[in-house]
C-alpha cells in the first residue's frame, strides 16, 4: 500500500489509536499530554517503514507534533522554516539525540523518561509505558 494511502487507512487509524492508548496519550519524549495547549499526538515508527520497520505496537511510539518534527527529517522545514546553518547543525544534533533515546530498550527508556520528566514536573499518565 502506498505511503499516503496507508496513513489514511482504517488499519493505521486503529494502530495509531492503540499506540496512543498504550502510552497514556502522552508524548514519550517530552511528556506532553493530549489536551495540553498546542499538543497534537502522533504515532511514530521507531524503525521507519521505508527501512523495513513493522506496523506493530512494538515498533510504534507516541510523540507530540514538535518532537515528531525533530525526529522526522522531512518535517523540519515545515516546522522550522529555512534555518541558518548553525540552527540546522543544532537540529541534526537534537534529532540524533532523540533517535538514540528511541533506540533504547523499553526499560532503560522508561527509567530515563521518569528522571527527565520529574525534573520538568511531568508525571507519566500510565505506569507501564
N, C-alpha and C. Protein backbone atom coordinates (compact mmCIF):
# COMPACT_ATOMS: atom_id res chain seq x y z
N UNK A 1 0.85 -1.18 0.00
CA UNK A 1 0.00 0.00 0.00
C UNK A 1 0.90 1.24 0.00
N UNK A 2 0.58 2.20 -0.82
CA UNK A 2 1.37 3.44 -0.90
C UNK A 2 1.37 4.15 0.44
N UNK A 3 2.45 4.88 0.68
CA UNK A 3 2.63 5.57 1.96
C UNK A 3 1.42 6.45 2.32
N UNK A 4 1.00 7.29 1.39
CA UNK A 4 -0.10 8.21 1.70
C UNK A 4 -1.40 7.46 1.93
N UNK A 5 -1.63 6.38 1.18
CA UNK A 5 -2.86 5.60 1.37
C UNK A 5 -2.83 4.86 2.70
N UNK A 6 -1.68 4.32 3.07
CA UNK A 6 -1.61 3.58 4.33
C UNK A 6 -1.95 4.48 5.51
N UNK A 7 -1.40 5.68 5.55
CA UNK A 7 -1.61 6.55 6.70
C UNK A 7 -3.01 7.15 6.77
N UNK A 8 -3.83 6.90 5.79
CA UNK A 8 -5.23 7.31 5.88
C UNK A 8 -6.16 6.10 5.96
N UNK A 9 -5.57 4.92 6.12
CA UNK A 9 -6.37 3.69 6.15
C UNK A 9 -6.95 3.42 7.54
N UNK A 10 -8.04 2.66 7.60
CA UNK A 10 -8.60 2.26 8.90
C UNK A 10 -7.60 1.46 9.74
N UNK A 11 -6.78 0.64 9.08
CA UNK A 11 -5.78 -0.16 9.81
C UNK A 11 -4.79 0.76 10.54
N UNK A 12 -4.31 1.81 9.86
CA UNK A 12 -3.39 2.74 10.51
C UNK A 12 -4.07 3.51 11.63
N UNK A 13 -5.30 3.94 11.41
CA UNK A 13 -6.01 4.68 12.46
C UNK A 13 -6.17 3.82 13.71
N UNK A 14 -6.49 2.54 13.54
CA UNK A 14 -6.62 1.64 14.71
C UNK A 14 -5.28 1.46 15.41
N UNK A 15 -4.22 1.24 14.64
CA UNK A 15 -2.89 1.04 15.22
C UNK A 15 -2.39 2.31 15.91
N UNK A 16 -2.64 3.45 15.28
CA UNK A 16 -2.25 4.73 15.87
C UNK A 16 -2.98 4.95 17.19
N UNK A 17 -4.26 4.68 17.21
CA UNK A 17 -5.06 4.84 18.43
C UNK A 17 -4.56 3.89 19.53
N UNK A 18 -4.28 2.64 19.16
CA UNK A 18 -3.79 1.66 20.14
C UNK A 18 -2.44 2.10 20.72
N UNK A 19 -1.59 2.70 19.88
CA UNK A 19 -0.29 3.19 20.35
C UNK A 19 -0.49 4.30 21.37
N UNK A 20 -1.34 5.24 21.06
CA UNK A 20 -1.60 6.37 21.96
C UNK A 20 -2.24 5.89 23.26
N UNK A 21 -3.15 4.94 23.18
CA UNK A 21 -3.77 4.39 24.39
C UNK A 21 -2.72 3.72 25.26
N UNK A 22 -1.88 2.89 24.65
CA UNK A 22 -0.82 2.20 25.40
C UNK A 22 0.08 3.19 26.12
N UNK A 23 0.38 4.32 25.45
CA UNK A 23 1.30 5.32 26.01
C UNK A 23 0.59 6.38 26.86
N UNK A 24 -0.66 6.13 27.18
CA UNK A 24 -1.39 7.04 28.05
C UNK A 24 -1.65 8.40 27.42
N UNK A 25 -1.73 8.45 26.09
CA UNK A 25 -1.96 9.71 25.37
C UNK A 25 -0.95 10.77 25.80
N UNK A 26 0.33 10.35 25.83
CA UNK A 26 1.41 11.22 26.29
C UNK A 26 2.62 11.05 25.40
N UNK A 27 3.24 12.16 25.00
CA UNK A 27 4.46 12.12 24.20
C UNK A 27 5.53 11.39 25.01
N UNK A 28 6.16 10.42 24.39
CA UNK A 28 7.14 9.60 25.09
C UNK A 28 8.53 10.22 25.11
N UNK A 29 8.67 11.42 24.59
CA UNK A 29 9.93 12.15 24.72
C UNK A 29 9.78 13.29 25.72
N UNK A 30 8.88 14.21 25.45
CA UNK A 30 8.79 15.40 26.30
C UNK A 30 7.74 15.30 27.40
N UNK A 31 6.80 14.36 27.28
CA UNK A 31 5.79 14.19 28.32
C UNK A 31 4.52 14.99 28.11
N UNK A 32 4.41 15.76 27.02
CA UNK A 32 3.17 16.48 26.76
C UNK A 32 2.01 15.50 26.68
N UNK A 33 0.86 15.93 27.16
CA UNK A 33 -0.32 15.09 27.26
C UNK A 33 -1.40 15.63 26.34
N UNK A 34 -2.16 14.70 25.76
CA UNK A 34 -3.31 15.11 24.94
C UNK A 34 -4.16 16.07 25.77
N UNK A 35 -4.52 17.18 25.19
CA UNK A 35 -5.28 18.20 25.90
C UNK A 35 -4.43 19.37 26.36
N UNK A 36 -3.08 19.19 26.43
CA UNK A 36 -2.20 20.32 26.72
C UNK A 36 -2.32 21.32 25.57
N UNK A 37 -2.16 22.60 25.85
CA UNK A 37 -2.24 23.59 24.76
C UNK A 37 -1.27 23.26 23.63
N UNK A 38 -1.76 23.32 22.41
CA UNK A 38 -0.97 23.14 21.20
C UNK A 38 -0.40 21.72 21.03
N UNK A 39 -0.87 20.77 21.79
CA UNK A 39 -0.35 19.41 21.70
C UNK A 39 -1.22 18.58 20.75
N UNK A 40 -0.57 18.05 19.74
CA UNK A 40 -1.19 17.10 18.83
C UNK A 40 -0.30 15.87 18.87
N UNK A 41 -0.89 14.71 19.16
CA UNK A 41 -0.12 13.49 19.29
C UNK A 41 -0.12 12.70 17.98
N UNK A 42 1.01 12.05 17.72
CA UNK A 42 1.19 11.21 16.54
C UNK A 42 1.75 9.86 16.96
N UNK A 43 1.40 8.82 16.24
CA UNK A 43 2.08 7.53 16.38
C UNK A 43 3.27 7.57 15.43
N UNK A 44 4.44 7.21 15.93
CA UNK A 44 5.68 7.29 15.15
C UNK A 44 6.34 5.93 15.09
N UNK A 45 6.77 5.52 13.88
CA UNK A 45 7.52 4.28 13.72
C UNK A 45 8.94 4.49 14.25
N UNK A 46 9.37 3.68 15.19
CA UNK A 46 10.74 3.78 15.71
C UNK A 46 11.72 3.42 14.60
N UNK A 47 11.49 2.29 13.95
CA UNK A 47 12.23 1.94 12.73
C UNK A 47 11.28 2.25 11.59
N UNK A 48 11.65 3.17 10.74
CA UNK A 48 10.77 3.64 9.66
C UNK A 48 10.30 2.51 8.76
N UNK A 49 9.10 2.64 8.27
CA UNK A 49 8.57 1.66 7.31
C UNK A 49 9.51 1.55 6.12
N UNK A 50 10.05 2.68 5.65
CA UNK A 50 10.95 2.69 4.49
C UNK A 50 12.23 1.91 4.75
N UNK A 51 12.56 1.72 6.03
CA UNK A 51 13.76 0.97 6.41
C UNK A 51 13.40 -0.43 6.87
N UNK A 52 12.19 -0.89 6.57
CA UNK A 52 11.77 -2.24 6.91
C UNK A 52 11.09 -2.36 8.26
N UNK A 53 10.80 -1.24 8.90
CA UNK A 53 10.12 -1.27 10.19
C UNK A 53 8.70 -1.79 10.07
N UNK A 54 8.27 -2.50 11.07
CA UNK A 54 6.96 -3.14 11.03
C UNK A 54 5.86 -2.21 11.53
N UNK A 55 4.64 -2.55 11.12
CA UNK A 55 3.45 -1.83 11.59
C UNK A 55 2.88 -2.59 12.78
N UNK A 56 3.66 -2.57 13.88
CA UNK A 56 3.25 -3.26 15.10
C UNK A 56 3.42 -2.31 16.28
N UNK A 57 2.72 -2.59 17.36
CA UNK A 57 2.84 -1.75 18.56
C UNK A 57 4.27 -1.70 19.08
N UNK A 58 5.02 -2.79 18.93
CA UNK A 58 6.40 -2.81 19.41
C UNK A 58 7.28 -1.81 18.66
N UNK A 59 6.89 -1.43 17.45
CA UNK A 59 7.69 -0.52 16.64
C UNK A 59 7.09 0.89 16.60
N UNK A 60 6.11 1.15 17.43
CA UNK A 60 5.46 2.47 17.43
C UNK A 60 5.57 3.12 18.79
N UNK A 61 5.59 4.43 18.77
CA UNK A 61 5.68 5.21 20.00
C UNK A 61 4.89 6.50 19.79
N UNK A 62 4.33 7.04 20.85
CA UNK A 62 3.55 8.28 20.76
C UNK A 62 4.48 9.48 20.92
N UNK A 63 4.39 10.41 19.96
CA UNK A 63 5.16 11.65 20.02
C UNK A 63 4.23 12.83 19.76
N UNK A 64 4.52 13.95 20.41
CA UNK A 64 3.78 15.17 20.09
C UNK A 64 4.28 15.69 18.74
N UNK A 65 3.55 16.62 18.17
CA UNK A 65 3.90 17.17 16.85
C UNK A 65 5.33 17.72 16.82
N UNK A 66 5.71 18.46 17.84
CA UNK A 66 7.04 19.08 17.84
C UNK A 66 8.14 18.03 17.91
N UNK A 67 8.03 17.07 18.84
CA UNK A 67 9.05 16.02 18.94
C UNK A 67 9.07 15.20 17.65
N UNK A 68 7.90 14.94 17.07
CA UNK A 68 7.82 14.21 15.81
C UNK A 68 8.54 14.97 14.71
N UNK A 69 8.41 16.29 14.71
CA UNK A 69 9.09 17.10 13.70
C UNK A 69 10.60 17.05 13.86
N UNK A 70 11.08 16.99 15.08
CA UNK A 70 12.53 16.90 15.30
C UNK A 70 13.04 15.54 14.82
N UNK A 71 12.32 14.49 15.14
CA UNK A 71 12.75 13.13 14.80
C UNK A 71 12.62 12.85 13.30
N UNK A 72 11.60 13.39 12.67
CA UNK A 72 11.32 13.08 11.28
C UNK A 72 11.92 14.16 10.38
N UNK A 73 13.00 13.80 9.74
CA UNK A 73 13.79 14.74 8.95
C UNK A 73 12.97 15.57 7.98
N UNK A 74 12.05 14.96 7.26
CA UNK A 74 11.31 15.69 6.23
C UNK A 74 10.28 16.66 6.80
N UNK A 75 10.04 16.67 8.10
CA UNK A 75 9.14 17.64 8.72
C UNK A 75 9.87 18.91 9.16
N UNK A 76 11.18 18.91 9.14
CA UNK A 76 11.95 20.05 9.67
C UNK A 76 11.56 21.36 9.02
N UNK A 77 11.54 21.41 7.69
CA UNK A 77 11.28 22.68 7.01
C UNK A 77 9.86 23.16 7.32
N UNK A 78 8.91 22.25 7.34
CA UNK A 78 7.53 22.63 7.65
C UNK A 78 7.45 23.32 9.01
N UNK A 79 8.11 22.74 10.00
CA UNK A 79 8.05 23.27 11.36
C UNK A 79 8.99 24.44 11.60
N UNK A 80 10.19 24.35 11.08
CA UNK A 80 11.24 25.27 11.48
C UNK A 80 11.70 26.21 10.37
N UNK A 81 11.12 26.09 9.17
CA UNK A 81 11.43 27.00 8.08
C UNK A 81 12.85 26.82 7.56
N UNK A 82 13.34 27.87 6.93
CA UNK A 82 14.70 27.87 6.40
C UNK A 82 15.64 28.38 7.47
N UNK A 83 16.32 27.48 8.11
CA UNK A 83 17.19 27.83 9.23
C UNK A 83 18.57 28.25 8.75
N UNK A 84 19.29 28.89 9.65
CA UNK A 84 20.70 29.17 9.40
C UNK A 84 21.46 27.85 9.48
N UNK A 85 22.67 27.83 9.00
CA UNK A 85 23.50 26.62 9.08
C UNK A 85 23.68 26.19 10.53
N UNK A 86 23.89 27.16 11.40
CA UNK A 86 24.07 26.85 12.83
C UNK A 86 22.82 26.18 13.40
N UNK A 87 21.65 26.68 13.04
CA UNK A 87 20.40 26.09 13.52
C UNK A 87 20.19 24.69 12.94
N UNK A 88 20.58 24.48 11.68
CA UNK A 88 20.46 23.15 11.08
C UNK A 88 21.37 22.15 11.78
N UNK A 89 22.57 22.58 12.15
CA UNK A 89 23.50 21.71 12.88
C UNK A 89 22.90 21.35 14.24
N UNK A 90 22.34 22.33 14.92
CA UNK A 90 21.70 22.10 16.21
C UNK A 90 20.53 21.13 16.06
N UNK A 91 19.74 21.29 15.01
CA UNK A 91 18.60 20.41 14.77
C UNK A 91 19.06 18.98 14.51
N UNK A 92 20.12 18.82 13.72
CA UNK A 92 20.64 17.46 13.47
C UNK A 92 21.10 16.82 14.77
N UNK A 93 21.73 17.60 15.64
CA UNK A 93 22.16 17.07 16.94
C UNK A 93 20.97 16.64 17.78
N UNK A 94 19.93 17.47 17.81
CA UNK A 94 18.73 17.11 18.57
C UNK A 94 18.09 15.85 18.00
N UNK A 95 18.03 15.77 16.68
CA UNK A 95 17.44 14.60 16.03
C UNK A 95 18.21 13.33 16.41
N UNK A 96 19.54 13.39 16.36
CA UNK A 96 20.35 12.22 16.73
C UNK A 96 20.12 11.82 18.18
N UNK A 97 20.02 12.81 19.06
CA UNK A 97 19.77 12.54 20.47
C UNK A 97 18.41 11.86 20.65
N UNK A 98 17.38 12.36 19.99
CA UNK A 98 16.05 11.76 20.06
C UNK A 98 16.08 10.33 19.54
N UNK A 99 16.74 10.12 18.38
CA UNK A 99 16.78 8.78 17.79
C UNK A 99 17.52 7.80 18.69
N UNK A 100 18.60 8.25 19.33
CA UNK A 100 19.31 7.39 20.28
C UNK A 100 18.40 7.02 21.45
N UNK A 101 17.63 7.97 21.92
CA UNK A 101 16.69 7.71 23.01
C UNK A 101 15.66 6.68 22.59
N UNK A 102 15.09 6.85 21.40
CA UNK A 102 14.06 5.92 20.93
C UNK A 102 14.61 4.52 20.70
N UNK A 103 15.89 4.40 20.42
CA UNK A 103 16.50 3.10 20.16
C UNK A 103 16.81 2.32 21.45
N UNK A 104 16.71 2.96 22.60
CA UNK A 104 16.97 2.28 23.87
C UNK A 104 15.92 1.19 24.10
N UNK A 105 16.30 0.17 24.85
CA UNK A 105 15.30 -0.83 25.22
C UNK A 105 14.26 -0.15 26.12
N UNK A 106 13.07 -0.72 26.13
CA UNK A 106 11.92 -0.07 26.80
C UNK A 106 12.19 0.24 28.27
N UNK A 107 12.82 -0.66 29.00
CA UNK A 107 13.07 -0.44 30.44
C UNK A 107 14.01 0.75 30.65
N UNK A 108 15.08 0.83 29.89
CA UNK A 108 16.02 1.94 30.01
C UNK A 108 15.35 3.25 29.61
N UNK A 109 14.55 3.20 28.54
CA UNK A 109 13.84 4.40 28.09
C UNK A 109 12.90 4.90 29.19
N UNK A 110 12.15 3.99 29.83
CA UNK A 110 11.24 4.38 30.91
C UNK A 110 12.00 5.00 32.08
N UNK A 111 13.14 4.42 32.43
CA UNK A 111 13.95 4.95 33.53
C UNK A 111 14.40 6.38 33.22
N UNK A 112 14.89 6.60 32.02
CA UNK A 112 15.33 7.94 31.63
C UNK A 112 14.15 8.90 31.55
N UNK A 113 13.01 8.43 31.03
CA UNK A 113 11.82 9.27 30.98
C UNK A 113 11.46 9.76 32.37
N UNK A 114 11.38 8.84 33.30
CA UNK A 114 10.97 9.23 34.65
C UNK A 114 11.91 10.28 35.23
N UNK A 115 13.21 10.10 35.04
CA UNK A 115 14.18 11.06 35.56
C UNK A 115 14.00 12.43 34.91
N UNK A 116 13.92 12.46 33.60
CA UNK A 116 13.77 13.73 32.88
C UNK A 116 12.44 14.37 33.21
N UNK A 117 11.36 13.59 33.14
CA UNK A 117 10.03 14.15 33.36
C UNK A 117 9.89 14.68 34.77
N UNK A 118 10.49 14.02 35.76
CA UNK A 118 10.43 14.53 37.14
C UNK A 118 11.08 15.89 37.23
N UNK A 119 12.22 16.07 36.54
CA UNK A 119 12.90 17.37 36.55
C UNK A 119 12.04 18.45 35.90
N UNK A 120 11.22 18.06 34.92
CA UNK A 120 10.34 19.01 34.22
C UNK A 120 8.99 19.15 34.89
N UNK A 121 8.75 18.37 35.96
CA UNK A 121 7.48 18.44 36.64
C UNK A 121 6.37 17.67 35.94
N UNK A 122 6.73 16.73 35.07
CA UNK A 122 5.76 15.91 34.35
C UNK A 122 5.59 14.58 35.07
N UNK A 123 4.41 14.02 34.95
CA UNK A 123 4.12 12.71 35.55
C UNK A 123 3.62 11.80 34.44
N UNK A 124 4.14 10.55 34.39
CA UNK A 124 3.61 9.63 33.39
C UNK A 124 2.11 9.39 33.62
N UNK A 125 1.34 9.35 32.52
CA UNK A 125 -0.09 9.13 32.66
C UNK A 125 -0.41 7.64 32.81
N UNK A 126 0.53 6.78 32.46
CA UNK A 126 0.39 5.35 32.68
C UNK A 126 1.67 4.85 33.31
N UNK A 127 1.56 3.80 34.09
CA UNK A 127 2.74 3.27 34.79
C UNK A 127 3.62 2.45 33.85
N UNK A 128 3.04 1.60 33.05
CA UNK A 128 3.83 0.69 32.19
C UNK A 128 3.86 1.17 30.76
N UNK A 129 4.62 2.23 30.50
CA UNK A 129 4.70 2.75 29.13
C UNK A 129 5.83 2.09 28.40
